[in-house]
Every structure is written in structure tokens, then in C-alpha cells.
Protein backbone atom coordinates (compact mmCIF):
# COMPACT_ATOMS: atom_id res chain seq x y z
CA MET A 1 0.00 0.00 0.00
CA HIS A 2 1.31 3.44 -0.91
CA THR A 3 1.59 6.04 1.80
CA THR A 4 1.27 9.78 1.42
CA ALA A 5 5.07 10.08 1.30
CA HIS A 6 5.22 7.62 -1.61
CA ARG A 7 2.55 9.56 -3.49
CA LEU A 8 4.36 12.84 -2.84
CA LYS A 9 7.65 11.43 -4.15
CA SER A 10 5.89 9.99 -7.18
CA THR A 11 4.22 13.32 -7.92
CA ALA A 12 7.50 15.20 -7.45
CA MET A 13 9.23 12.87 -9.91
CA ALA A 14 6.45 13.29 -12.46
CA VAL A 15 6.47 17.09 -12.14
CA THR A 16 10.26 17.25 -12.43
CA ALA A 17 10.16 15.01 -15.50
CA GLY A 18 7.53 17.27 -17.02
CA LEU A 19 9.69 20.33 -16.37
CA LEU A 20 12.65 18.59 -17.99
CA LEU A 21 10.52 17.81 -21.04
CA LEU A 22 9.48 21.47 -21.30
CA ALA A 23 13.08 22.63 -20.84
CA GLY A 24 14.25 20.21 -23.52
CA ALA A 25 11.65 21.43 -25.98
CA SER A 26 12.36 25.09 -25.20
CA THR A 27 16.05 24.73 -26.07
CA LEU A 28 15.06 24.38 -29.73
CA ILE A 29 13.01 27.59 -29.89
CA PRO A 30 14.47 30.05 -32.42
CA TRP A 31 15.86 33.20 -30.77
CA ALA A 32 17.35 36.00 -32.89
CA LYS A 33 19.32 37.54 -29.99
CA ALA A 34 21.37 34.38 -29.37
CA SER A 35 25.12 34.96 -29.33
CA GLU A 36 25.93 31.93 -31.50
CA ALA A 37 24.19 29.52 -33.82
CA ASN A 38 23.66 25.99 -32.52
CA VAL A 39 24.98 22.79 -34.11
CA ILE A 40 21.86 22.49 -36.26
CA GLY A 41 22.72 25.86 -37.84
CA TYR A 42 20.22 28.39 -36.50
CA ARG A 43 20.16 30.70 -33.51
CA SER A 44 18.07 29.15 -30.78
CA LEU A 45 17.34 29.80 -27.13
CA CYS A 46 20.18 27.43 -26.23
CA SER A 47 23.30 27.40 -28.36
CA PHE A 48 24.08 23.86 -27.14
CA ALA A 49 21.00 22.43 -28.88
CA PRO A 50 20.41 19.59 -29.80
CA PHE A 51 22.76 18.19 -27.14
CA SER A 52 21.02 20.06 -24.32
CA THR A 53 17.69 18.78 -25.64
CA LEU A 54 18.92 15.20 -25.49
CA ILE A 55 20.30 15.67 -21.97
CA CYS A 56 16.95 17.01 -20.73
CA LEU A 57 15.02 14.23 -22.44
CA MET A 58 17.33 11.57 -20.99
CA GLY A 59 16.91 13.06 -17.51
CA ALA A 60 13.12 12.95 -17.88
CA ASN A 61 13.34 9.35 -19.08
CA VAL A 62 15.47 8.33 -16.08
CA LEU A 63 13.04 9.97 -13.66
CA LEU A 64 9.98 8.38 -15.23
CA THR A 65 11.64 4.96 -15.31
CA LEU A 66 12.63 5.29 -11.65
CA ARG A 67 9.12 6.43 -10.77
CA LYS A 68 7.61 3.43 -12.56
CA ARG A 69 9.91 0.98 -10.77
CA LEU A 70 9.40 2.55 -7.35
CA THR A 71 5.61 2.61 -7.63
CA GLN A 72 5.15 -0.96 -8.89
CA VAL A 73 3.34 -3.25 -6.52
CA PRO A 74 5.54 -6.28 -5.80
CA GLU A 75 4.11 -9.64 -6.79
CA GLU A 76 3.37 -12.00 -3.96
């Protein structure tokens, strides 16, 4: 049975993963005032795109995988 602490941790992991997904997507947004072009060839909000995008997406994936494993009910 899941306690309130387990639910809170699960919710915190899901929210953090969601924020990482948003951060990853926002790194690809075109931004004319950027100091340098990214690897793809255009000026974006983050000049390290697409690498920063991949890092954020991998972090979200790790959190969601951990959340899934920690919230599984063990078989008896």
C-alpha cells in the first residue's frame, strides 16, 4: 500500500520530469538575440541544442523509469 510520502515522491518525480521535457523542448526555440548559432545551424534559445535537448530528455526518461519501478506493486 502506498503512503502519502510515496505519493508525494511519485508526484514530485512526475512534475520534475515534465519540467525537464518542457526545458528540452524550449532549447530548440528560435531566438534571434542568441550569441551563437547551434549545431543544427540556426540561432536558438540554447546554443548547445540539440545536445542540451537530449540531456533534458534523458533526464526525464530516467526519472519516469525510476518512478515506474518505485511505484510498482511487488508480486506475492
